Amino acid sequence: MGESDHQQALAQRVDELRRQLCGRDLKTLAALTGTLLKDNSFHFTLLGRPLRFTLPEFRIVDAGGAELPTFLQALILYYFVTADGTPLTGKWVSFADLPGGRMYAPAFQGYTGNELVKVFGADVAAFQKVCRASGGSPLEIADVAYGFQALPRLPLAVTYWVGDEEFPSTSKILFDSSACHYLPIDACAILGSLLTRTLQKHRE
């Protein structure tokens, strides 16, 4: 499939997801997703970025009114379609431990945790600085770890173990074990990749 075919398929999927939301009770949808229903829009943040989900078009725009790229529209639409209000467990698990995640875990680790190690190496101070600048809150797991509110009911954590002469540094993106009640597994992968790119961008 070429790039144009991929974009067309993604656009069609976005339209399908919008149709799935048509007719849903808006107050119930706001409660399930943890978003604020106000002025004919859902208000929420994506990794700290204020967004607005307009009605009845079901289109996501930023604070300046610009429409988000199609892949981000799809991510957020998946969140609204999937969210069932399941309480967070407070238990951090790897991508491999999510339902359906084990087969894709090596690839996910390749473009998330492994990429962060390439960027930060043994410079844990830089990692901490970037996580704080990106809105992360310290967690008491691994050598260093930070939690991020990716979507209202979907937190992520990024962990870092500092290497030595024998073992290289390692990093992982973790999810609350309830994550697949809010996104399908492929969308969880996109969210983890989005956090990784956010940290890389702040490092630059």
Protein backbone atom coordinates (compact mmCIF):
# COMPACT_ATOMS: atom_id res chain seq x y z
CA MET A 1 0.00 0.00 0.00
CA GLY A 2 1.41 3.37 -1.04
CA GLU A 3 1.39 6.48 1.10
CA SER A 4 -1.65 7.95 -0.66
CA ASP A 5 -3.53 4.66 -0.26
CA HIS A 6 -2.62 4.59 3.43
CA GLN A 7 -3.87 8.15 3.93
CA GLN A 8 -7.10 7.34 2.11
CA ALA A 9 -7.67 4.25 4.25
CA LEU A 10 -6.98 6.26 7.41
CA ALA A 11 -9.42 8.99 6.32
CA GLN A 12 -12.08 6.34 5.69
CA ARG A 13 -11.47 4.86 9.14
CA VAL A 14 -11.83 8.31 10.70
CA ASP A 15 -15.19 8.73 8.98
CA GLU A 16 -16.29 5.32 10.26
CA LEU A 17 -15.33 6.23 13.83
CA ARG A 18 -17.24 9.51 13.58
CA ARG A 19 -20.32 7.60 12.44
CA GLN A 20 -20.01 5.31 15.47
CA LEU A 21 -20.24 8.33 17.76
CA CYS A 22 -23.36 9.74 16.10
CA GLY A 23 -26.37 9.29 18.35
CA ARG A 24 -24.34 8.61 21.51
CA ASP A 25 -25.52 10.41 24.64
CA LEU A 26 -23.10 13.32 25.04
CA LYS A 27 -23.18 13.53 28.84
CA THR A 28 -22.53 9.80 29.11
CA LEU A 29 -19.69 10.08 26.59
CA ALA A 30 -18.11 12.92 28.59
CA ALA A 31 -18.32 10.83 31.77
CA LEU A 32 -16.80 7.74 30.14
CA THR A 33 -13.92 9.69 28.62
CA GLY A 34 -13.30 12.05 31.55
CA THR A 35 -13.72 15.09 29.31
CA LEU A 36 -15.54 18.37 29.94
CA LEU A 37 -18.67 18.96 27.87
CA LYS A 38 -18.97 22.72 27.42
CA ASP A 39 -20.05 25.12 24.66
CA ASN A 40 -21.03 22.26 22.33
CA SER A 41 -17.55 20.70 22.53
CA PHE A 42 -15.60 18.17 24.57
CA HIS A 43 -12.57 19.80 26.21
CA PHE A 44 -9.52 17.78 27.27
CA THR A 45 -5.74 17.56 26.87
CA LEU A 46 -3.47 15.23 24.93
CA LEU A 47 -0.10 15.05 26.71
CA GLY A 48 -0.80 18.47 28.19
CA ARG A 49 -1.95 20.02 24.91
CA PRO A 50 -5.42 21.62 25.23
CA LEU A 51 -7.82 20.32 22.59
CA ARG A 52 -11.46 20.71 21.70
CA PHE A 53 -13.66 18.04 20.13
CA THR A 54 -16.36 19.93 18.25
CA LEU A 55 -19.97 18.88 17.87
CA PRO A 56 -21.77 17.75 15.82
CA GLU A 57 -18.83 17.42 13.39
CA PHE A 58 -16.69 15.31 15.76
CA ARG A 59 -13.51 17.11 14.67
CA ILE A 60 -10.58 17.80 16.96
CA VAL A 61 -8.99 21.25 16.97
CA ASP A 62 -6.23 22.85 19.04
CA ALA A 63 -6.49 25.98 21.18
CA GLY A 64 -6.04 28.14 18.07
CA GLY A 65 -8.81 26.37 16.16
CA ALA A 66 -6.51 24.46 13.79
CA GLU A 67 -7.67 20.94 12.95
CA LEU A 68 -5.33 18.16 14.04
CA PRO A 69 -3.64 15.82 11.53
CA THR A 70 -5.68 12.80 10.47
CA PHE A 71 -3.66 10.28 12.51
CA LEU A 72 -4.30 12.29 15.70
CA GLN A 73 -7.98 12.62 14.81
CA ALA A 74 -8.07 8.83 14.53
CA LEU A 75 -6.28 8.35 17.87
CA ILE A 76 -8.73 10.55 19.74
CA LEU A 77 -11.76 9.14 17.95
CA TYR A 78 -10.63 5.65 18.99
CA TYR A 79 -10.43 6.92 22.57
CA PHE A 80 -14.00 8.24 22.47
CA VAL A 81 -15.36 5.11 20.78
CA THR A 82 -13.52 2.68 23.10
CA ALA A 83 -13.73 4.38 26.53
CA ASP A 84 -16.01 2.42 28.86
CA GLY A 85 -15.32 4.20 32.16
CA THR A 86 -13.32 1.37 33.74
CA PRO A 87 -11.45 2.72 36.81
CA LEU A 88 -7.68 2.95 36.61
CA THR A 89 -5.92 0.14 38.45
CA GLY A 90 -2.75 2.01 39.39
CA LYS A 91 -0.80 -1.03 38.14
CA TRP A 92 1.87 -0.23 35.53
CA VAL A 93 2.37 -2.88 32.85
CA SER A 94 4.47 -3.14 29.72
CA PHE A 95 3.05 -3.02 26.20
CA ALA A 96 3.60 -6.79 26.01
CA ASP A 97 1.31 -7.31 29.01
CA LEU A 98 -1.63 -5.50 27.41
CA PRO A 99 -4.19 -7.70 25.62
CA GLY A 100 -2.85 -8.36 22.12
CA GLY A 101 0.41 -6.58 22.79
CA ARG A 102 2.94 -9.39 23.08
CA MET A 103 3.33 -10.04 19.35
CA TYR A 104 4.07 -6.37 18.64
CA ALA A 105 6.11 -5.64 21.77
CA PRO A 106 9.58 -5.93 20.16
CA ALA A 107 8.63 -3.43 17.45
CA PHE A 108 7.05 -1.11 20.03
CA GLN A 109 10.19 -1.22 22.17
CA GLY A 110 12.27 -0.48 19.08
CA TYR A 111 10.59 2.83 18.32
CA THR A 112 9.96 3.91 21.93
CA GLY A 113 12.34 2.85 24.71
CA ASN A 114 15.26 2.03 22.44
CA GLU A 115 14.96 5.41 20.74
CA LEU A 116 15.03 7.17 24.11
CA VAL A 117 18.22 5.34 25.06
CA LYS A 118 19.81 6.52 21.80
CA VAL A 119 18.92 10.09 22.74
CA PHE A 120 19.87 10.10 26.43
CA GLY A 121 22.43 7.31 26.91
CA ALA A 122 23.71 7.58 30.49
CA ASP A 123 22.70 11.25 30.84
CA VAL A 124 19.97 10.72 33.41
CA ALA A 125 19.99 14.41 34.37
CA ALA A 126 19.02 15.34 30.81
CA PHE A 127 16.30 12.68 30.86
CA GLN A 128 14.86 14.12 34.08
CA LYS A 129 14.99 17.67 32.73
CA VAL A 130 13.20 16.73 29.53
CA CYS A 131 10.52 14.73 31.36
CA ARG A 132 9.79 17.65 33.66
CA ALA A 133 9.69 20.07 30.71
CA SER A 134 7.21 17.74 28.98
CA GLY A 135 4.82 17.75 31.94
CA GLY A 136 5.94 14.55 33.65
CA SER A 137 5.62 13.84 37.38
CA PRO A 138 8.27 11.72 39.19
CA LEU A 139 7.39 8.10 39.97
CA GLU A 140 9.16 5.77 42.38
CA ILE A 141 9.91 2.95 39.96
CA ALA A 142 13.09 2.02 38.05
CA ASP A 143 16.17 4.23 38.53
CA VAL A 144 14.19 7.19 37.24
CA ALA A 145 10.59 7.33 36.02
CA TYR A 146 7.95 9.91 35.18
CA GLY A 147 4.20 9.70 34.72
CA PHE A 148 2.28 11.57 32.03
CA GLN A 149 -1.44 12.18 31.64
CA ALA A 150 -1.65 11.25 27.97
CA LEU A 151 -5.47 11.38 27.80
CA PRO A 152 -7.93 12.06 30.63
CA ARG A 153 -8.29 8.39 31.63
CA LEU A 154 -5.11 7.05 30.07
CA PRO A 155 -1.82 7.74 31.88
CA LEU A 156 1.57 6.63 30.62
CA ALA A 157 4.88 6.17 32.42
CA VAL A 158 8.40 6.26 31.03
CA THR A 159 11.06 4.40 32.99
CA TYR A 160 14.83 4.61 32.75
CA TRP A 161 17.50 2.27 34.08
CA VAL A 162 21.00 3.74 33.87
CA GLY A 163 23.56 1.36 32.40
CA ASP A 164 27.15 0.63 33.37
CA GLU A 165 30.16 -1.04 31.79
CA GLU A 166 28.40 -4.39 31.65
CA PHE A 167 24.79 -3.48 30.86
CA PRO A 168 23.46 -0.70 28.61
CA SER A 169 20.84 1.78 29.73
CA THR A 170 17.25 0.70 29.12
CA SER A 171 13.96 2.56 28.93
CA LYS A 172 10.34 1.45 28.66
CA ILE A 173 6.96 3.04 28.13
CA LEU A 174 4.43 1.60 30.58
CA PHE A 175 0.62 1.69 30.67
CA ASP A 176 -1.99 1.44 33.38
CA SER A 177 -3.33 -2.10 33.08
CA SER A 178 -6.76 -0.66 32.21
CA ALA A 179 -5.42 0.99 29.02
CA CYS A 180 -7.23 -1.27 26.54
CA HIS A 181 -10.54 -0.18 28.02
CA TYR A 182 -9.72 3.20 26.45
CA LEU A 183 -7.76 2.43 23.28
CA PRO A 184 -7.26 -0.64 21.07
CA ILE A 185 -3.75 -2.04 21.16
CA ASP A 186 -2.58 -0.43 17.91
CA ALA A 187 -3.73 2.98 19.15
CA CYS A 188 -1.90 2.36 22.46
CA ALA A 189 1.24 1.88 20.35
CA ILE A 190 0.66 5.22 18.60
CA LEU A 191 0.20 6.96 21.96
CA GLY A 192 3.48 5.52 23.25
CA SER A 193 5.23 6.65 20.09
CA LEU A 194 3.74 10.12 20.51
CA LEU A 195 5.17 10.41 24.03
CA THR A 196 8.55 9.24 22.75
CA ARG A 197 8.58 11.90 20.02
CA THR A 198 7.54 14.55 22.55
CA LEU A 199 10.53 13.72 24.75
CA GLN A 200 12.87 13.63 21.75
CA LYS A 201 11.60 17.04 20.63
CA HIS A 202 12.23 18.61 24.04
CA ARG A 203 15.73 17.11 24.06
CA GLU A 204 16.48 18.87 20.77
